[in-house]
C-alpha atoms as a PDB file:
ATOM      1  CA  UNK A   1     -19.439 -33.236 -18.176  1.00  0.00           C
ATOM      2  CA  UNK A   2     -16.725 -32.358 -20.677  1.00  0.00           C
ATOM      3  CA  UNK A   3     -13.731 -30.294 -19.570  1.00  0.00           C
ATOM      4  CA  UNK A   4     -13.804 -26.707 -20.844  1.00  0.00           C
ATOM      5  CA  UNK A   5     -11.273 -25.460 -23.352  1.00  0.00           C
ATOM      6  CA  UNK A   6     -11.015 -22.229 -21.387  1.00  0.00           C
ATOM      7  CA  UNK A   7     -11.915 -20.869 -17.954  1.00  0.00           C
ATOM      8  CA  UNK A   8     -12.515 -17.166 -17.406  1.00  0.00           C
ATOM      9  CA  UNK A   9     -12.267 -15.604 -13.964  1.00  0.00           C
ATOM     10  CA  UNK A  10     -13.660 -12.597 -12.172  1.00  0.00           C
ATOM     11  CA  UNK A  11     -11.115 -10.542 -10.199  1.00  0.00           C
ATOM     12  CA  UNK A  12     -12.454  -9.351  -6.834  1.00  0.00           C
ATOM     13  CA  UNK A  13     -13.031 -12.100  -4.247  1.00  0.00           C
ATOM     14  CA  UNK A  14     -12.359 -14.648  -6.971  1.00  0.00           C
ATOM     15  CA  UNK A  15      -8.689 -14.364  -7.886  1.00  0.00           C
ATOM     16  CA  UNK A  16      -7.653 -11.781  -5.315  1.00  0.00           C
ATOM     17  CA  UNK A  17      -8.935 -10.082  -2.187  1.00  0.00           C
ATOM     18  CA  UNK A  18      -8.133  -6.618  -0.844  1.00  0.00           C
ATOM     19  CA  UNK A  19      -7.299  -6.808   2.878  1.00  0.00           C
ATOM     20  CA  UNK A  20      -6.892  -3.735   5.107  1.00  0.00           C
ATOM     21  CA  UNK A  21      -8.711  -1.603   2.525  1.00  0.00           C
ATOM     22  CA  UNK A  22      -8.327   2.107   3.323  1.00  0.00           C
ATOM     23  CA  UNK A  23      -8.845   4.867   0.775  1.00  0.00           C
ATOM     24  CA  UNK A  24      -7.466   7.311   3.340  1.00  0.00           C
ATOM     25  CA  UNK A  25      -4.145   5.460   3.237  1.00  0.00           C
ATOM     26  CA  UNK A  26      -4.261   5.772  -0.543  1.00  0.00           C
ATOM     27  CA  UNK A  27      -4.819   9.519  -0.345  1.00  0.00           C
ATOM     28  CA  UNK A  28      -2.054   9.957   2.226  1.00  0.00           C
ATOM     29  CA  UNK A  29       0.383   8.209  -0.129  1.00  0.00           C
ATOM     30  CA  UNK A  30      -0.416  10.797  -2.810  1.00  0.00           C
ATOM     31  CA  UNK A  31       0.125  13.860  -0.622  1.00  0.00           C
ATOM     32  CA  UNK A  32       3.908  14.118  -1.299  1.00  0.00           C
ATOM     33  CA  UNK A  33       3.152  14.321  -5.035  1.00  0.00           C
ATOM     34  CA  UNK A  34       0.727  17.255  -4.791  1.00  0.00           C
ATOM     35  CA  UNK A  35       2.195  20.470  -6.235  1.00  0.00           C
ATOM     36  CA  UNK A  36      -0.987  22.548  -6.127  1.00  0.00           C
ATOM     37  CA  UNK A  37      -3.575  22.475  -3.338  1.00  0.00           C
ATOM     38  CA  UNK A  38      -5.076  25.982  -3.323  1.00  0.00           C
ATOM     39  CA  UNK A  39      -7.509  25.318  -0.489  1.00  0.00           C
ATOM     40  CA  UNK A  40      -4.907  23.609   1.698  1.00  0.00           C
ATOM     41  CA  UNK A  41      -7.018  20.474   1.985  1.00  0.00           C
ATOM     42  CA  UNK A  42      -5.905  17.673   4.269  1.00  0.00           C
ATOM     43  CA  UNK A  43      -5.739  14.035   3.216  1.00  0.00           C
ATOM     44  CA  UNK A  44      -8.861  13.411   5.287  1.00  0.00           C
ATOM     45  CA  UNK A  45     -10.803  16.169   3.502  1.00  0.00           C
ATOM     46  CA  UNK A  46      -9.693  14.999   0.060  1.00  0.00           C
ATOM     47  CA  UNK A  47     -10.608  11.407   0.904  1.00  0.00           C
ATOM     48  CA  UNK A  48     -14.145  12.367   1.946  1.00  0.00           C
ATOM     49  CA  UNK A  49     -14.691  14.273  -1.311  1.00  0.00           C
ATOM     50  CA  UNK A  50     -13.287  11.528  -3.538  1.00  0.00           C
ATOM     51  CA  UNK A  51     -15.428   8.876  -1.839  1.00  0.00           C
ATOM     52  CA  UNK A  52     -18.459  11.063  -2.504  1.00  0.00           C
ATOM     53  CA  UNK A  53     -17.625  11.080  -6.210  1.00  0.00           C
ATOM     54  CA  UNK A  54     -17.461   7.297  -6.264  1.00  0.00           C
ATOM     55  CA  UNK A  55     -20.879   7.104  -4.631  1.00  0.00           C
ATOM     56  CA  UNK A  56     -22.229   9.190  -7.515  1.00  0.00           C
ATOM     57  CA  UNK A  57     -20.599   6.848 -10.026  1.00  0.00           C
ATOM     58  CA  UNK A  58     -22.553   3.956  -8.522  1.00  0.00           C
ATOM     59  CA  UNK A  59     -25.586   5.140 -10.514  1.00  0.00           C
ATOM     60  CA  UNK A  60     -23.765   4.546 -13.807  1.00  0.00           C
ATOM     61  CA  UNK A  61     -22.764   1.081 -12.707  1.00  0.00           C
ATOM     62  CA  UNK A  62     -26.397   0.236 -11.995  1.00  0.00           C
ATOM     63  CA  UNK A  63     -27.067   0.440 -15.738  1.00  0.00           C
ATOM     64  CA  UNK A  64     -23.965  -1.644 -16.580  1.00  0.00           C
ATOM     65  CA  UNK A  65     -21.794   1.319 -17.594  1.00  0.00           C
ATOM     66  CA  UNK A  66     -18.206   1.519 -16.309  1.00  0.00           C
ATOM     67  CA  UNK A  67     -16.236   4.705 -15.606  1.00  0.00           C
ATOM     68  CA  UNK A  68     -12.451   4.641 -15.931  1.00  0.00           C
ATOM     69  CA  UNK A  69     -10.452   5.385 -12.785  1.00  0.00           C
ATOM     70  CA  UNK A  70      -8.391   8.066 -14.519  1.00  0.00           C
ATOM     71  CA  UNK A  71     -11.521   9.986 -15.528  1.00  0.00           C
ATOM     72  CA  UNK A  72     -12.915   9.809 -12.001  1.00  0.00           C
ATOM     73  CA  UNK A  73      -9.579  10.911 -10.539  1.00  0.00           C
ATOM     74  CA  UNK A  74      -9.247  13.755 -12.998  1.00  0.00           C
ATOM     75  CA  UNK A  75     -12.700  15.114 -12.204  1.00  0.00           C
ATOM     76  CA  UNK A  76     -12.231  14.866  -8.444  1.00  0.00           C
ATOM     77  CA  UNK A  77      -8.774  16.389  -8.253  1.00  0.00           C
ATOM     78  CA  UNK A  78      -9.330  19.112 -10.856  1.00  0.00           C
ATOM     79  CA  UNK A  79     -12.551  20.065  -9.070  1.00  0.00           C
ATOM     80  CA  UNK A  80     -10.474  20.599  -5.934  1.00  0.00           C
ATOM     81  CA  UNK A  81      -7.732  22.422  -7.851  1.00  0.00           C
ATOM     82  CA  UNK A  82      -5.222  19.702  -6.971  1.00  0.00           C
ATOM     83  CA  UNK A  83      -2.300  19.037  -9.304  1.00  0.00           C
ATOM     84  CA  UNK A  84       0.345  16.311  -9.149  1.00  0.00           C
ATOM     85  CA  UNK A  85       3.963  16.036 -10.247  1.00  0.00           C
ATOM     86  CA  UNK A  86       3.235  12.610 -11.764  1.00  0.00           C
ATOM     87  CA  UNK A  87       0.823  11.392 -14.495  1.00  0.00           C
ATOM     88  CA  UNK A  88      -2.526   9.871 -13.588  1.00  0.00           C
ATOM     89  CA  UNK A  89      -1.290   6.341 -14.335  1.00  0.00           C
ATOM     90  CA  UNK A  90       1.190   6.723 -11.465  1.00  0.00           C
ATOM     91  CA  UNK A  91      -1.433   8.428  -9.286  1.00  0.00           C
ATOM     92  CA  UNK A  92      -3.635   5.370  -9.761  1.00  0.00           C
ATOM     93  CA  UNK A  93      -0.857   2.881  -9.032  1.00  0.00           C
ATOM     94  CA  UNK A  94       0.326   4.641  -5.861  1.00  0.00           C
ATOM     95  CA  UNK A  95      -3.227   5.173  -4.610  1.00  0.00           C
ATOM     96  CA  UNK A  96      -4.417   1.586  -5.170  1.00  0.00           C
ATOM     97  CA  UNK A  97      -1.324  -0.077  -3.708  1.00  0.00           C
ATOM     98  CA  UNK A  98      -1.466   2.121  -0.600  1.00  0.00           C
ATOM     99  CA  UNK A  99      -5.224   1.561  -0.260  1.00  0.00           C
ATOM    100  CA  UNK A 100      -4.603  -2.201  -0.218  1.00  0.00           C
ATOM    101  CA  UNK A 101      -1.620  -4.226  -1.448  1.00  0.00           C
ATOM    102  CA  UNK A 102      -3.937  -7.120  -2.335  1.00  0.00           C
ATOM    103  CA  UNK A 103      -3.606 -10.829  -1.647  1.00  0.00           C
ATOM    104  CA  UNK A 104      -4.610 -14.086  -3.336  1.00  0.00           C
ATOM    105  CA  UNK A 105      -7.767 -15.986  -2.511  1.00  0.00           C
ATOM    106  CA  UNK A 106      -6.953 -19.308  -0.804  1.00  0.00           C
ATOM    107  CA  UNK A 107      -5.646 -21.995  -3.197  1.00  0.00           C
ATOM    108  CA  UNK A 108      -6.205 -19.961  -6.371  1.00  0.00           C
ATOM    109  CA  UNK A 109      -2.505 -20.327  -7.197  1.00  0.00           C
ATOM    110  CA  UNK A 110      -2.884 -24.114  -6.959  1.00  0.00           C
ATOM    111  CA  UNK A 111      -5.887 -24.033  -9.281  1.00  0.00           C
ATOM    112  CA  UNK A 112      -4.044 -21.879 -11.811  1.00  0.00           C
ATOM    113  CA  UNK A 113      -1.084 -24.273 -11.757  1.00  0.00           C
ATOM    114  CA  UNK A 114      -3.488 -27.191 -12.233  1.00  0.00           C
ATOM    115  CA  UNK A 115      -5.365 -25.806 -15.228  1.00  0.00           C
ATOM    116  CA  UNK A 116      -2.050 -24.806 -16.795  1.00  0.00           C
ATOM    117  CA  UNK A 117      -0.799 -28.379 -16.365  1.00  0.00           C
ATOM    118  CA  UNK A 118      -3.809 -29.929 -18.111  1.00  0.00           C
ATOM    119  CA  UNK A 119      -3.894 -27.454 -20.973  1.00  0.00           C
ATOM    120  CA  UNK A 120      -6.985 -25.427 -20.094  1.00  0.00           C
ATOM    121  CA  UNK A 121      -6.690 -21.862 -21.347  1.00  0.00           C
ATOM    122  CA  UNK A 122      -7.546 -18.973 -19.033  1.00  0.00           C
ATOM    123  CA  UNK A 123      -8.383 -15.283 -18.937  1.00  0.00           C
ATOM    124  CA  UNK A 124      -9.968 -12.590 -16.773  1.00  0.00           C
ATOM    125  CA  UNK A 125     -13.100 -10.457 -17.142  1.00  0.00           C
ATOM    126  CA  UNK A 126     -13.451  -7.975 -14.288  1.00  0.00           C
ATOM    127  CA  UNK A 127     -15.974  -5.279 -13.437  1.00  0.00           C
ATOM    128  CA  UNK A 128     -13.506  -2.658 -12.315  1.00  0.00           C
ATOM    129  CA  UNK A 129     -12.776   1.044 -12.604  1.00  0.00           C
ATOM    130  CA  UNK A 130      -9.030   0.594 -12.294  1.00  0.00           C
ATOM    131  CA  UNK A 131      -7.107   0.606 -15.568  1.00  0.00           C
ATOM    132  CA  UNK A 132      -6.285  -2.599 -17.390  1.00  0.00           C
ATOM    133  CA  UNK A 133      -2.578  -1.915 -16.849  1.00  0.00           C
ATOM    134  CA  UNK A 134      -2.975  -1.498 -13.090  1.00  0.00           C
ATOM    135  CA  UNK A 135      -5.158  -4.610 -12.862  1.00  0.00           C
ATOM    136  CA  UNK A 136      -2.765  -6.669 -14.979  1.00  0.00           C
ATOM    137  CA  UNK A 137       0.235  -5.548 -12.935  1.00  0.00           C
ATOM    138  CA  UNK A 138      -1.520  -6.503  -9.699  1.00  0.00           C
ATOM    139  CA  UNK A 139      -2.598  -9.926 -10.923  1.00  0.00           C
ATOM    140  CA  UNK A 140       0.835 -10.707 -12.365  1.00  0.00           C
ATOM    141  CA  UNK A 141       2.525  -9.619  -9.137  1.00  0.00           C
ATOM    142  CA  UNK A 142       0.351 -11.826  -6.926  1.00  0.00           C
ATOM    143  CA  UNK A 143      -0.248 -14.781  -9.279  1.00  0.00           C
ATOM    144  CA  UNK A 144       3.024 -14.820 -11.240  1.00  0.00           C
ATOM    145  CA  UNK A 145       2.555 -18.263 -12.800  1.00  0.00           C
ATOM    146  CA  UNK A 146      -0.731 -17.360 -14.495  1.00  0.00           C
ATOM    147  CA  UNK A 147      -1.063 -17.817 -18.243  1.00  0.00           C
ATOM    148  CA  UNK A 148      -4.007 -15.487 -18.732  1.00  0.00           C
ATOM    149  CA  UNK A 149      -4.352 -14.797 -22.445  1.00  0.00           C
ATOM    150  CA  UNK A 150      -6.122 -11.524 -21.762  1.00  0.00           C
ATOM    151  CA  UNK A 151      -7.270  -9.490 -18.793  1.00  0.00           C
ATOM    152  CA  UNK A 152     -10.378  -7.459 -19.557  1.00  0.00           C
ATOM    153  CA  UNK A 153     -10.972  -4.514 -17.244  1.00  0.00           C
ATOM    154  CA  UNK A 154     -14.430  -3.114 -17.946  1.00  0.00           C
ATOM    155  CA  UNK A 155     -13.025   0.384 -17.379  1.00  0.00           C
ATOM    156  CA  UNK A 156     -11.504   0.117 -20.856  1.00  0.00           C
ATOM    157  CA  UNK A 157     -14.656  -1.138 -22.602  1.00  0.00           C
ATOM    158  CA  UNK A 158     -17.655   0.843 -21.211  1.00  0.00           C
ATOM    159  CA  UNK A 159     -19.889  -2.226 -20.734  1.00  0.00           C
ATOM    160  CA  UNK A 160     -19.793  -4.193 -17.485  1.00  0.00           C
ATOM    161  CA  UNK A 161     -21.207  -7.487 -16.266  1.00  0.00           C
ATOM    162  CA  UNK A 162     -23.914  -8.762 -16.327  1.00  0.00           C
ATOM    163  CA  UNK A 163     -24.286  -7.200 -19.805  1.00  0.00           C
ATOM    164  CA  UNK A 164     -23.626 -10.037 -22.232  1.00  0.00           C
ATOM    165  CA  UNK A 165     -21.623  -7.693 -24.491  1.00  0.00           C
ATOM    166  CA  UNK A 166     -18.589  -7.964 -22.221  1.00  0.00           C
ATOM    167  CA  UNK A 167     -18.791 -11.775 -22.191  1.00  0.00           C
ATOM    168  CA  UNK A 168     -19.177 -11.797 -25.977  1.00  0.00           C
ATOM    169  CA  UNK A 169     -16.038  -9.669 -26.238  1.00  0.00           C
ATOM    170  CA  UNK A 170     -14.115 -12.247 -24.213  1.00  0.00           C
ATOM    171  CA  UNK A 171     -15.368 -15.064 -26.442  1.00  0.00           C
ATOM    172  CA  UNK A 172     -14.285 -13.196 -29.550  1.00  0.00           C
ATOM    173  CA  UNK A 173     -10.846 -12.582 -28.047  1.00  0.00           C
ATOM    174  CA  UNK A 174     -10.589 -16.287 -27.230  1.00  0.00           C
ATOM    175  CA  UNK A 175     -11.981 -17.333 -30.644  1.00  0.00           C
ATOM    176  CA  UNK A 176     -14.181 -19.881 -28.906  1.00  0.00           C
ATOM    177  CA  UNK A 177     -17.896 -20.554 -28.779  1.00  0.00           C
ATOM    178  CA  UNK A 178     -19.630 -20.111 -25.431  1.00  0.00           C
ATOM    179  CA  UNK A 179     -20.213 -23.841 -24.914  1.00  0.00           C
ATOM    180  CA  UNK A 180     -16.446 -24.381 -24.616  1.00  0.00           C
ATOM    181  CA  UNK A 181     -15.921 -21.811 -21.854  1.00  0.00           C
ATOM    182  CA  UNK A 182     -16.633 -21.705 -18.115  1.00  0.00           C
ATOM    183  CA  UNK A 183     -16.857 -18.523 -16.061  1.00  0.00           C
ATOM    184  CA  UNK A 184     -15.944 -18.340 -12.355  1.00  0.00           C
ATOM    185  CA  UNK A 185     -17.006 -15.565 -10.009  1.00  0.00           C
ATOM    186  CA  UNK A 186     -18.489 -14.702  -6.632  1.00  0.00           C
ATOM    187  CA  UNK A 187     -21.537 -12.685  -7.744  1.00  0.00           C
ATOM    188  CA  UNK A 188     -24.778 -14.481  -8.582  1.00  0.00           C
ATOM    189  CA  UNK A 189     -26.071 -11.535 -10.605  1.00  0.00           C
ATOM    190  CA  UNK A 190     -22.952 -10.421 -12.443  1.00  0.00           C
ATOM    191  CA  UNK A 191     -21.040 -13.672 -12.773  1.00  0.00           C
ATOM    192  CA  UNK A 192     -23.434 -16.617 -12.609  1.00  0.00           C
ATOM    193  CA  UNK A 193     -26.523 -15.175 -14.279  1.00  0.00           C
ATOM    194  CA  UNK A 194     -24.497 -12.891 -16.544  1.00  0.00           C
ATOM    195  CA  UNK A 195     -22.282 -15.661 -17.907  1.00  0.00           C
ATOM    196  CA  UNK A 196     -25.228 -18.063 -18.254  1.00  0.00           C
ATOM    197  CA  UNK A 197     -27.138 -15.508 -20.325  1.00  0.00           C
ATOM    198  CA  UNK A 198     -24.108 -15.316 -22.625  1.00  0.00           C
ATOM    199  CA  UNK A 199     -24.055 -19.110 -22.998  1.00  0.00           C
ATOM    200  CA  UNK A 200     -21.069 -19.904 -20.764  1.00  0.00           C
ATOM    201  CA  UNK A 201     -21.170 -22.491 -17.972  1.00  0.00           C
ATOM    202  CA  UNK A 202     -21.150 -20.651 -14.612  1.00  0.00           C
ATOM    203  CA  UNK A 203     -19.112 -21.575 -11.549  1.00  0.00           C
ATOM    204  CA  UNK A 204     -20.217 -19.776  -8.392  1.00  0.00           C
ATOM    205  CA  UNK A 205     -17.280 -19.280  -6.016  1.00  0.00           C
ATOM    206  CA  UNK A 206     -19.199 -18.854  -2.764  1.00  0.00           C
ATOM    207  CA  UNK A 207     -16.353 -18.349  -0.267  1.00  0.00           C
ATOM    208  CA  UNK A 208     -17.565 -16.849   3.038  1.00  0.00           C
ATOM    209  CA  UNK A 209     -14.517 -16.704   5.331  1.00  0.00           C
ATOM    210  CA  UNK A 210     -12.768 -13.658   3.852  1.00  0.00           C
ATOM    211  CA  UNK A 211     -14.422 -10.237   3.905  1.00  0.00           C
ATOM    212  CA  UNK A 212     -15.967  -9.582   0.497  1.00  0.00           C
ATOM    213  CA  UNK A 213     -15.859  -5.915  -0.463  1.00  0.00           C
ATOM    214  CA  UNK A 214     -17.806  -6.677  -3.646  1.00  0.00           C
ATOM    215  CA  UNK A 215     -20.615  -8.794  -2.185  1.00  0.00           C
ATOM    216  CA  UNK A 216     -23.989  -8.411  -3.901  1.00  0.00           C
ATOM    217  CA  UNK A 217     -25.989  -5.777  -2.028  1.00  0.00           C
ATOM    218  CA  UNK A 218     -29.292  -7.096  -3.316  1.00  0.00           C
ATOM    219  CA  UNK A 219     -30.892 -10.476  -2.734  1.00  0.00           C
ATOM    220  CA  UNK A 220     -29.811 -12.901  -5.439  1.00  0.00           C
ATOM    221  CA  UNK A 221     -32.576 -13.686  -7.952  1.00  0.00           C
ATOM    222  CA  UNK A 222     -33.782 -17.250  -8.309  1.00  0.00           C
ATOM    223  CA  UNK A 223     -32.161 -19.348 -11.018  1.00  0.00           C
ATOM    224  CA  UNK A 224     -33.625 -22.134 -13.138  1.00  0.00           C
ATOM    225  CA  UNK A 225     -30.445 -23.353 -14.832  1.00  0.00           C
ATOM    226  CA  UNK A 226     -27.508 -25.567 -13.924  1.00  0.00           C
ATOM    227  CA  UNK A 227     -24.318 -24.140 -12.483  1.00  0.00           C
ATOM    228  CA  UNK A 228     -21.545 -25.363 -10.211  1.00  0.00           C
ATOM    229  CA  UNK A 229     -21.283 -23.979  -6.676  1.00  0.00           C
ATOM    230  CA  UNK A 230     -17.987 -24.278  -4.799  1.00  0.00           C
ATOM    231  CA  UNK A 231     -16.561 -22.749  -1.619  1.00  0.00           C
ATOM    232  CA  UNK A 232     -12.919 -23.742  -2.148  1.00  0.00           C
ATOM    233  CA  UNK A 233     -10.841 -23.710  -5.324  1.00  0.00           C
ATOM    234  CA  UNK A 234      -9.646 -27.235  -4.600  1.00  0.00           C
ATOM    235  CA  UNK A 235     -13.225 -28.380  -5.186  1.00  0.00           C
ATOM    236  CA  UNK A 236     -13.017 -27.098  -8.743  1.00  0.00           C
ATOM    237  CA  UNK A 237      -9.765 -29.006  -9.240  1.00  0.00           C
ATOM    238  CA  UNK A 238     -11.524 -32.186  -8.104  1.00  0.00           C
ATOM    239  CA  UNK A 239     -14.493 -31.489 -10.356  1.00  0.00           C
ATOM    240  CA  UNK A 240     -12.275 -30.883 -13.376  1.00  0.00           C
ATOM    241  CA  UNK A 241     -10.415 -34.114 -12.635  1.00  0.00           C
ATOM    242  CA  UNK A 242     -13.724 -35.998 -12.829  1.00  0.00           C
ATOM    243  CA  UNK A 243     -14.768 -34.422 -16.137  1.00  0.00           C
ATOM    244  CA  UNK A 244     -14.390 -36.117 -19.492  1.00  0.00           C
ATOM    245  CA  UNK A 245     -11.608 -35.036 -21.820  1.00  0.00           C
ATOM    246  CA  UNK A 246     -13.748 -35.581 -24.910  1.00  0.00           C
END
């Protein structure tokens, strides 16, 4: 097989993981910034309500529509009469970092260094409600040597994987045809089948040791096309090394 000109990556459980995930910790970190709380709600009470809102948003995601974190936050907190002394961009950043500081998936930094060294371009397409700025800041903090040409957060673009529109957007940003691009991710439905339907070559990152907060809840559909399955990023390095340059 020929080496790709570009590799696109998913975010969650592909580039990074989110250990010690606790939305309550996120809410507690926001409490000092609350300037109006007419019902005197505790962090625990606010957390329960906000999590309920996100459960409602799951319905939109089932039809491949993404809701921006700031819009969800604004609805939840204004509903409760809560006001902050900081803008919602800072609310998001404080909340997410306190919920989980994030960490890299094993050996992803080595893979990124490797593809940089052999001239393979790279980018990110993530199904995520967090803002593109917050996602970019997190990725750059934890994988500082990345050369991602763009980081697409679906929160900014309405459509989410597996809708081919979001993959087509990435291809247009890259100015490449689908046959020159590989897509790596942990979800069979969103990443493998979604990227295949858009004409990209899928790489299924099937790592099982680290808790996966984004694991597919439904049984993966059967596939009748070729894709690469790996459980360790070093396997992709080996596979790329064996590929033809031309």
